[in-house]
PDB file of N, CA and C in Angstrom:
ATOM      1  N   UNK A   1       0.801  -1.197   0.000  1.00  0.00           N
ATOM      2  CA  UNK A   1       0.000   0.000   0.000  1.00  0.00           C
ATOM      3  C   UNK A   1       0.846   1.264   0.000  1.00  0.00           C
ATOM      4  N   UNK A   2       2.009   1.263   0.638  1.00  0.00           N
ATOM      5  CA  UNK A   2       2.872   2.442   0.606  1.00  0.00           C
ATOM      6  C   UNK A   2       4.056   2.125  -0.285  1.00  0.00           C
ATOM      7  N   UNK A   3       4.188   2.939  -1.337  1.00  0.00           N
ATOM      8  CA  UNK A   3       5.288   2.753  -2.292  1.00  0.00           C
ATOM      9  C   UNK A   3       5.890   4.111  -2.625  1.00  0.00           C
ATOM     10  N   UNK A   4       7.181   4.242  -2.444  1.00  0.00           N
ATOM     11  CA  UNK A   4       7.884   5.467  -2.823  1.00  0.00           C
ATOM     12  C   UNK A   4       7.195   6.721  -2.300  1.00  0.00           C
ATOM     13  N   UNK A   5       6.912   6.743  -1.001  1.00  0.00           N
ATOM     14  CA  UNK A   5       6.297   7.888  -0.331  1.00  0.00           C
ATOM     15  C   UNK A   5       4.903   8.218  -0.859  1.00  0.00           C
ATOM     16  N   UNK A   6       4.243   7.224  -1.430  1.00  0.00           N
ATOM     17  CA  UNK A   6       2.866   7.370  -1.905  1.00  0.00           C
ATOM     18  C   UNK A   6       1.998   6.312  -1.234  1.00  0.00           C
ATOM     19  N   UNK A   7       0.752   6.676  -0.960  1.00  0.00           N
ATOM     20  CA  UNK A   7      -0.249   5.714  -0.522  1.00  0.00           C
ATOM     21  C   UNK A   7      -0.945   5.242  -1.785  1.00  0.00           C
ATOM     22  N   UNK A   8      -0.862   3.953  -2.061  1.00  0.00           N
ATOM     23  CA  UNK A   8      -1.409   3.387  -3.296  1.00  0.00           C
ATOM     24  C   UNK A   8      -2.523   2.417  -2.927  1.00  0.00           C
ATOM     25  N   UNK A   9      -3.707   2.649  -3.514  1.00  0.00           N
ATOM     26  CA  UNK A   9      -4.875   1.822  -3.219  1.00  0.00           C
ATOM     27  C   UNK A   9      -5.444   1.301  -4.529  1.00  0.00           C
ATOM     28  N   UNK A  10      -5.565  -0.009  -4.631  1.00  0.00           N
ATOM     29  CA  UNK A  10      -6.185  -0.641  -5.794  1.00  0.00           C
ATOM     30  C   UNK A  10      -7.667  -0.834  -5.499  1.00  0.00           C
ATOM     31  N   UNK A  11      -8.529  -0.265  -6.338  1.00  0.00           N
ATOM     32  CA  UNK A  11      -9.974  -0.363  -6.148  1.00  0.00           C
ATOM     33  C   UNK A  11     -10.537  -1.605  -6.826  1.00  0.00           C
ATOM     34  N   UNK A  12     -11.695  -2.019  -6.374  1.00  0.00           N
ATOM     35  CA  UNK A  12     -12.351  -3.214  -6.917  1.00  0.00           C
ATOM     36  C   UNK A  12     -12.695  -3.053  -8.394  1.00  0.00           C
ATOM     37  N   UNK A  13     -12.882  -1.810  -8.854  1.00  0.00           N
ATOM     38  CA  UNK A  13     -13.259  -1.587 -10.256  1.00  0.00           C
ATOM     39  C   UNK A  13     -12.053  -1.537 -11.196  1.00  0.00           C
ATOM     40  N   UNK A  14     -10.860  -1.803 -10.658  1.00  0.00           N
ATOM     41  CA  UNK A  14      -9.668  -1.844 -11.496  1.00  0.00           C
ATOM     42  C   UNK A  14      -8.829  -0.582 -11.462  1.00  0.00           C
ATOM     43  N   UNK A  15      -9.362   0.504 -10.918  1.00  0.00           N
ATOM     44  CA  UNK A  15      -8.573   1.735 -10.821  1.00  0.00           C
ATOM     45  C   UNK A  15      -7.556   1.626  -9.693  1.00  0.00           C
ATOM     46  N   UNK A  16      -6.478   2.352  -9.848  1.00  0.00           N
ATOM     47  CA  UNK A  16      -5.467   2.468  -8.805  1.00  0.00           C
ATOM     48  C   UNK A  16      -5.325   3.939  -8.461  1.00  0.00           C
ATOM     49  N   UNK A  17      -5.437   4.238  -7.168  1.00  0.00           N
ATOM     50  CA  UNK A  17      -5.273   5.607  -6.692  1.00  0.00           C
ATOM     51  C   UNK A  17      -3.929   5.717  -6.001  1.00  0.00           C
ATOM     52  N   UNK A  18      -3.234   6.808  -6.240  1.00  0.00           N
ATOM     53  CA  UNK A  18      -1.968   7.067  -5.563  1.00  0.00           C
ATOM     54  C   UNK A  18      -1.971   8.517  -5.104  1.00  0.00           C
ATOM     55  N   UNK A  19      -1.759   8.712  -3.814  1.00  0.00           N
ATOM     56  CA  UNK A  19      -1.726  10.060  -3.242  1.00  0.00           C
ATOM     57  C   UNK A  19      -0.470  10.187  -2.388  1.00  0.00           C
ATOM     58  N   UNK A  20       0.034  11.404  -2.235  1.00  0.00           N
ATOM     59  CA  UNK A  20       1.242  11.584  -1.426  1.00  0.00           C
ATOM     60  C   UNK A  20       1.005  11.158   0.022  1.00  0.00           C
ATOM     61  N   UNK A  21       1.897  10.379   0.564  1.00  0.00           N
ATOM     62  CA  UNK A  21       1.783   9.920   1.940  1.00  0.00           C
ATOM     63  C   UNK A  21       1.780  11.100   2.913  1.00  0.00           C
ATOM     64  N   UNK A  22       2.450  12.170   2.560  1.00  0.00           N
ATOM     65  CA  UNK A  22       2.522  13.345   3.426  1.00  0.00           C
ATOM     66  C   UNK A  22       1.135  13.963   3.658  1.00  0.00           C
ATOM     67  N   UNK A  23       0.154  13.635   2.826  1.00  0.00           N
ATOM     68  CA  UNK A  23      -1.222  14.098   3.045  1.00  0.00           C
ATOM     69  C   UNK A  23      -1.786  13.542   4.339  1.00  0.00           C
ATOM     70  N   UNK A  24      -1.237  12.447   4.825  1.00  0.00           N
ATOM     71  CA  UNK A  24      -1.726  11.770   6.023  1.00  0.00           C
ATOM     72  C   UNK A  24      -0.575  11.685   7.024  1.00  0.00           C
ATOM     73  N   UNK A  25      -0.372  12.739   7.823  1.00  0.00           N
ATOM     74  CA  UNK A  25       0.812  12.822   8.684  1.00  0.00           C
ATOM     75  C   UNK A  25       1.015  11.638   9.624  1.00  0.00           C
ATOM     76  N   UNK A  26      -0.069  11.048  10.111  1.00  0.00           N
ATOM     77  CA  UNK A  26       0.123   9.899  11.007  1.00  0.00           C
ATOM     78  C   UNK A  26       0.757   8.735  10.253  1.00  0.00           C
ATOM     79  N   UNK A  27       0.357   8.534   9.012  1.00  0.00           N
ATOM     80  CA  UNK A  27       0.990   7.481   8.212  1.00  0.00           C
ATOM     81  C   UNK A  27       2.413   7.878   7.838  1.00  0.00           C
ATOM     82  N   UNK A  28       2.620   9.144   7.552  1.00  0.00           N
ATOM     83  CA  UNK A  28       3.948   9.653   7.207  1.00  0.00           C
ATOM     84  C   UNK A  28       4.941   9.364   8.335  1.00  0.00           C
ATOM     85  N   UNK A  29       4.490   9.560   9.585  1.00  0.00           N
ATOM     86  CA  UNK A  29       5.356   9.360  10.745  1.00  0.00           C
ATOM     87  C   UNK A  29       5.358   7.921  11.255  1.00  0.00           C
ATOM     88  N   UNK A  30       4.521   7.079  10.705  1.00  0.00           N
ATOM     89  CA  UNK A  30       4.441   5.682  11.141  1.00  0.00           C
ATOM     90  C   UNK A  30       5.652   4.890  10.659  1.00  0.00           C
ATOM     91  N   UNK A  31       5.937   3.835  11.373  1.00  0.00           N
ATOM     92  CA  UNK A  31       6.996   2.924  10.942  1.00  0.00           C
ATOM     93  C   UNK A  31       6.449   2.043   9.813  1.00  0.00           C
ATOM     94  N   UNK A  32       7.318   1.443   9.026  1.00  0.00           N
ATOM     95  CA  UNK A  32       6.833   0.512   7.999  1.00  0.00           C
ATOM     96  C   UNK A  32       5.973  -0.608   8.592  1.00  0.00           C
ATOM     97  N   UNK A  33       6.340  -1.059   9.775  1.00  0.00           N
ATOM     98  CA  UNK A  33       5.557  -2.112  10.430  1.00  0.00           C
ATOM     99  C   UNK A  33       4.153  -1.618  10.769  1.00  0.00           C
ATOM    100  N   UNK A  34       4.052  -0.389  11.273  1.00  0.00           N
ATOM    101  CA  UNK A  34       2.742   0.180  11.606  1.00  0.00           C
ATOM    102  C   UNK A  34       1.899   0.377  10.354  1.00  0.00           C
ATOM    103  N   UNK A  35       2.528   0.820   9.280  1.00  0.00           N
ATOM    104  CA  UNK A  35       1.791   1.013   8.021  1.00  0.00           C
ATOM    105  C   UNK A  35       1.288  -0.308   7.453  1.00  0.00           C
ATOM    106  N   UNK A  36       2.007  -1.377   7.719  1.00  0.00           N
ATOM    107  CA  UNK A  36       1.627  -2.689   7.180  1.00  0.00           C
ATOM    108  C   UNK A  36       0.435  -3.293   7.916  1.00  0.00           C
ATOM    109  N   UNK A  37       0.105  -2.756   9.077  1.00  0.00           N
ATOM    110  CA  UNK A  37      -1.002  -3.279   9.883  1.00  0.00           C
ATOM    111  C   UNK A  37      -2.265  -2.467   9.608  1.00  0.00           C
ATOM    112  N   UNK A  38      -2.964  -2.804   8.558  1.00  0.00           N
ATOM    113  CA  UNK A  38      -4.183  -2.089   8.194  1.00  0.00           C
ATOM    114  C   UNK A  38      -5.303  -3.095   7.994  1.00  0.00           C
ATOM    115  N   UNK A  39      -6.529  -2.573   8.000  1.00  0.00           N
ATOM    116  CA  UNK A  39      -7.690  -3.423   7.723  1.00  0.00           C
ATOM    117  C   UNK A  39      -8.774  -2.566   7.084  1.00  0.00           C
ATOM    118  N   UNK A  40      -9.648  -3.230   6.327  1.00  0.00           N
ATOM    119  CA  UNK A  40     -10.792  -2.538   5.744  1.00  0.00           C
ATOM    120  C   UNK A  40     -11.829  -2.293   6.824  1.00  0.00           C
ATOM    121  N   UNK A  41     -12.528  -1.177   6.708  1.00  0.00           N
ATOM    122  CA  UNK A  41     -13.626  -0.860   7.619  1.00  0.00           C
ATOM    123  C   UNK A  41     -14.837  -0.448   6.797  1.00  0.00           C
ATOM    124  N   UNK A  42     -15.995  -0.511   7.429  1.00  0.00           N
ATOM    125  CA  UNK A  42     -17.219  -0.060   6.762  1.00  0.00           C
ATOM    126  C   UNK A  42     -17.549  -0.843   5.515  1.00  0.00           C
ATOM    127  N   UNK A  43     -17.316  -2.146   5.535  1.00  0.00           N
ATOM    128  CA  UNK A  43     -17.626  -2.952   4.357  1.00  0.00           C
ATOM    129  C   UNK A  43     -16.776  -2.605   3.153  1.00  0.00           C
ATOM    130  N   UNK A  44     -15.549  -2.162   3.399  1.00  0.00           N
ATOM    131  CA  UNK A  44     -14.642  -1.820   2.304  1.00  0.00           C
ATOM    132  C   UNK A  44     -14.687  -0.355   1.908  1.00  0.00           C
ATOM    133  N   UNK A  45     -15.425   0.454   2.670  1.00  0.00           N
ATOM    134  CA  UNK A  45     -15.537   1.888   2.362  1.00  0.00           C
ATOM    135  C   UNK A  45     -14.351   2.696   2.871  1.00  0.00           C
ATOM    136  N   UNK A  46     -13.521   2.077   3.698  1.00  0.00           N
ATOM    137  CA  UNK A  46     -12.386   2.796   4.248  1.00  0.00           C
ATOM    138  C   UNK A  46     -11.294   1.846   4.694  1.00  0.00           C
ATOM    139  N   UNK A  47     -10.193   2.438   5.143  1.00  0.00           N
ATOM    140  CA  UNK A  47      -9.028   1.694   5.612  1.00  0.00           C
ATOM    141  C   UNK A  47      -8.661   2.241   6.986  1.00  0.00           C
ATOM    142  N   UNK A  48      -8.323   1.334   7.908  1.00  0.00           N
ATOM    143  CA  UNK A  48      -7.959   1.727   9.271  1.00  0.00           C
ATOM    144  C   UNK A  48      -6.584   1.172   9.612  1.00  0.00           C
ATOM    145  N   UNK A  49      -5.751   2.023  10.210  1.00  0.00           N
ATOM    146  CA  UNK A  49      -4.440   1.634  10.723  1.00  0.00           C
ATOM    147  C   UNK A  49      -4.502   1.763  12.240  1.00  0.00           C
ATOM    148  N   UNK A  50      -4.724   0.655  12.957  1.00  0.00           N
ATOM    149  CA  UNK A  50      -4.911   0.743  14.407  1.00  0.00           C
ATOM    150  C   UNK A  50      -3.697   1.270  15.171  1.00  0.00           C
ATOM    151  N   UNK A  51      -2.502   0.966  14.738  1.00  0.00           N
ATOM    152  CA  UNK A  51      -1.302   1.377  15.475  1.00  0.00           C
ATOM    153  C   UNK A  51      -1.138   2.890  15.525  1.00  0.00           C
ATOM    154  N   UNK A  52      -1.689   3.589  14.527  1.00  0.00           N
ATOM    155  CA  UNK A  52      -1.571   5.053  14.491  1.00  0.00           C
ATOM    156  C   UNK A  52      -2.933   5.739  14.536  1.00  0.00           C
ATOM    157  N   UNK A  53      -3.991   4.956  14.722  1.00  0.00           N
ATOM    158  CA  UNK A  53      -5.362   5.461  14.821  1.00  0.00           C
ATOM    159  C   UNK A  53      -5.711   6.365  13.634  1.00  0.00           C
ATOM    160  N   UNK A  54      -5.471   5.868  12.443  1.00  0.00           N
ATOM    161  CA  UNK A  54      -5.777   6.615  11.208  1.00  0.00           C
ATOM    162  C   UNK A  54      -6.850   5.883  10.427  1.00  0.00           C
ATOM    163  N   UNK A  55      -7.836   6.634   9.969  1.00  0.00           N
ATOM    164  CA  UNK A  55      -8.895   6.116   9.102  1.00  0.00           C
ATOM    165  C   UNK A  55      -8.932   6.968   7.844  1.00  0.00           C
ATOM    166  N   UNK A  56      -8.979   6.320   6.696  1.00  0.00           N
ATOM    167  CA  UNK A  56      -9.076   7.028   5.418  1.00  0.00           C
ATOM    168  C   UNK A  56     -10.186   6.376   4.616  1.00  0.00           C
ATOM    169  N   UNK A  57     -11.108   7.201   4.136  1.00  0.00           N
ATOM    170  CA  UNK A  57     -12.215   6.667   3.340  1.00  0.00           C
ATOM    171  C   UNK A  57     -11.839   6.637   1.866  1.00  0.00           C
ATOM    172  N   UNK A  58     -12.398   5.676   1.161  1.00  0.00           N
ATOM    173  CA  UNK A  58     -12.195   5.615  -0.285  1.00  0.00           C
ATOM    174  C   UNK A  58     -12.784   6.872  -0.918  1.00  0.00           C
ATOM    175  N   UNK A  59     -13.917   7.322  -0.418  1.00  0.00           N
ATOM    176  CA  UNK A  59     -14.534   8.552  -0.926  1.00  0.00           C
ATOM    177  C   UNK A  59     -13.573   9.734  -0.800  1.00  0.00           C
ATOM    178  N   UNK A  60     -12.896   9.832   0.341  1.00  0.00           N
ATOM    179  CA  UNK A  60     -11.923  10.905   0.534  1.00  0.00           C
ATOM    180  C   UNK A  60     -10.753  10.804  -0.427  1.00  0.00           C
ATOM    181  N   UNK A  61     -10.289   9.592  -0.666  1.00  0.00           N
ATOM    182  CA  UNK A  61      -9.203   9.397  -1.630  1.00  0.00           C
ATOM    183  C   UNK A  61      -9.631   9.827  -3.024  1.00  0.00           C
ATOM    184  N   UNK A  62     -10.842   9.406  -3.415  1.00  0.00           N
ATOM    185  CA  UNK A  62     -11.347   9.767  -4.745  1.00  0.00           C
ATOM    186  C   UNK A  62     -11.508  11.279  -4.901  1.00  0.00           C
ATOM    187  N   UNK A  63     -11.876  11.947  -3.801  1.00  0.00           N
ATOM    188  CA  UNK A  63     -12.073  13.399  -3.841  1.00  0.00           C
ATOM    189  C   UNK A  63     -10.763  14.171  -3.700  1.00  0.00           C
ATOM    190  N   UNK A  64      -9.674  13.464  -3.415  1.00  0.00           N
ATOM    191  CA  UNK A  64      -8.386  14.135  -3.262  1.00  0.00           C
ATOM    192  C   UNK A  64      -8.259  14.893  -1.957  1.00  0.00           C
ATOM    193  N   UNK A  65      -8.939  14.406  -0.903  1.00  0.00           N
ATOM    194  CA  UNK A  65      -8.905  15.082   0.396  1.00  0.00           C
ATOM    195  C   UNK A  65      -7.747  14.565   1.243  1.00  0.00           C
ATOM    196  N   UNK A  66      -6.955  15.486   1.717  1.00  0.00           N
ATOM    197  CA  UNK A  66      -5.883  15.152   2.652  1.00  0.00           C
ATOM    198  C   UNK A  66      -6.470  15.055   4.058  1.00  0.00           C
ATOM    199  N   UNK A  67      -5.657  14.672   5.001  1.00  0.00           N
ATOM    200  CA  UNK A  67      -6.087  14.574   6.396  1.00  0.00           C
ATOM    201  C   UNK A  67      -6.634  15.913   6.871  1.00  0.00           C
ATOM    202  N   UNK A  68      -7.687  15.850   7.650  1.00  0.00           N
ATOM    203  CA  UNK A  68      -8.266  17.059   8.225  1.00  0.00           C
ATOM    204  C   UNK A  68      -7.822  17.284   9.660  1.00  0.00           C
ATOM    205  N   UNK A  69      -6.856  16.494  10.124  1.00  0.00           N
ATOM    206  CA  UNK A  69      -6.408  16.622  11.513  1.00  0.00           C
ATOM    207  C   UNK A  69      -5.719  17.963  11.731  1.00  0.00           C
ATOM    208  N   UNK A  70      -6.035  18.610  12.844  1.00  0.00           N
ATOM    209  CA  UNK A  70      -5.426  19.908  13.155  1.00  0.00           C
ATOM    210  C   UNK A  70      -3.955  19.725  13.529  1.00  0.00           C
ATOM    211  N   UNK A  71      -3.196  20.785  13.354  1.00  0.00           N
ATOM    212  CA  UNK A  71      -1.779  20.755  13.726  1.00  0.00           C
ATOM    213  C   UNK A  71      -1.615  20.511  15.221  1.00  0.00           C
ATOM    214  N   UNK A  72      -2.524  21.061  16.005  1.00  0.00           N
ATOM    215  CA  UNK A  72      -2.464  20.881  17.459  1.00  0.00           C
ATOM    216  C   UNK A  72      -2.658  19.408  17.833  1.00  0.00           C
ATOM    217  N   UNK A  73      -3.653  18.784  17.230  1.00  0.00           N
ATOM    218  CA  UNK A  73      -3.911  17.371  17.492  1.00  0.00           C
ATOM    219  C   UNK A  73      -2.723  16.515  17.064  1.00  0.00           C
ATOM    220  N   UNK A  74      -2.190  16.796  15.894  1.00  0.00           N
ATOM    221  CA  UNK A  74      -1.038  16.037  15.404  1.00  0.00           C
ATOM    222  C   UNK A  74       0.161  16.213  16.333  1.00  0.00           C
ATOM    223  N   UNK A  75       0.391  17.436  16.798  1.00  0.00           N
ATOM    224  CA  UNK A  75       1.518  17.695  17.702  1.00  0.00           C
ATOM    225  C   UNK A  75       1.374  16.897  18.993  1.00  0.00           C
ATOM    226  N   UNK A  76       0.155  16.825  19.536  1.00  0.00           N
ATOM    227  CA  UNK A  76      -0.074  16.026  20.753  1.00  0.00           C
ATOM    228  C   UNK A  76       0.209  14.550  20.484  1.00  0.00           C
ATOM    229  N   UNK A  77      -0.265  14.071  19.332  1.00  0.00           N
ATOM    230  CA  UNK A  77      -0.057  12.667  18.978  1.00  0.00           C
ATOM    231  C   UNK A  77       1.438  12.367  18.827  1.00  0.00           C
ATOM    232  N   UNK A  78       2.153  13.246  18.130  1.00  0.00           N
ATOM    233  CA  UNK A  78       3.594  13.050  17.944  1.00  0.00           C
ATOM    234  C   UNK A  78       4.334  13.084  19.281  1.00  0.00           C
ATOM    235  N   UNK A  79       3.935  13.988  20.172  1.00  0.00           N
ATOM    236  CA  UNK A  79       4.568  14.069  21.491  1.00  0.00           C
ATOM    237  C   UNK A  79       4.349  12.769  22.261  1.00  0.00           C
ATOM    238  N   UNK A  80       3.165  12.205  22.154  1.00  0.00           N
ATOM    239  CA  UNK A  80       2.880  10.933  22.813  1.00  0.00           C
ATOM    240  C   UNK A  80       3.729   9.802  22.264  1.00  0.00           C
ATOM    241  N   UNK A  81       3.959   9.809  20.970  1.00  0.00           N
ATOM    242  CA  UNK A  81       4.805   8.773  20.355  1.00  0.00           C
ATOM    243  C   UNK A  81       6.240   8.908  20.845  1.00  0.00           C
ATOM    244  N   UNK A  82       6.722  10.133  20.944  1.00  0.00           N
ATOM    245  CA  UNK A  82       8.089  10.376  21.396  1.00  0.00           C
ATOM    246  C   UNK A  82       8.263   9.900  22.831  1.00  0.00           C
ATOM    247  N   UNK A  83       7.259  10.172  23.665  1.00  0.00           N
ATOM    248  CA  UNK A  83       7.327   9.750  25.066  1.00  0.00           C
ATOM    249  C   UNK A  83       7.346   8.232  25.190  1.00  0.00           C
ATOM    250  N   UNK A  84       6.656   7.555  24.290  1.00  0.00           N
ATOM    251  CA  UNK A  84       6.611   6.089  24.327  1.00  0.00           C
ATOM    252  C   UNK A  84       7.762   5.460  23.552  1.00  0.00           C
ATOM    253  N   UNK A  85       8.554   6.291  22.872  1.00  0.00           N
ATOM    254  CA  UNK A  85       9.677   5.763  22.107  1.00  0.00           C
ATOM    255  C   UNK A  85       9.293   5.189  20.761  1.00  0.00           C
ATOM    256  N   UNK A  86       8.099   5.552  20.244  1.00  0.00           N
ATOM    257  CA  UNK A  86       7.633   5.005  18.968  1.00  0.00           C
ATOM    258  C   UNK A  86       8.113   5.812  17.780  1.00  0.00           C
ATOM    259  N   UNK A  87       8.565   7.014  18.005  1.00  0.00           N
ATOM    260  CA  UNK A  87       8.949   7.858  16.865  1.00  0.00           C
ATOM    261  C   UNK A  87      10.431   7.785  16.606  1.00  0.00           C
TER     262      UNK A  87
END
């Protein structure tokens, strides 16, 4: 799913979507192991990465929407990772 700093998603209809990983800061800061731990949610309508608590909808990918997380929220999350030694 992550190739060359891109999030790549193959859709059931044969299309492949590729968006910059930097659009999703939690995935950007995740380890390769954390990125590899994903699952479909909502009957295939989205993808969830439990290790970094990130959810991305297929609809959002199709619309070209980046993460809507605030900088403040991201900073708190990153600080928590640093304290736990995950970053």
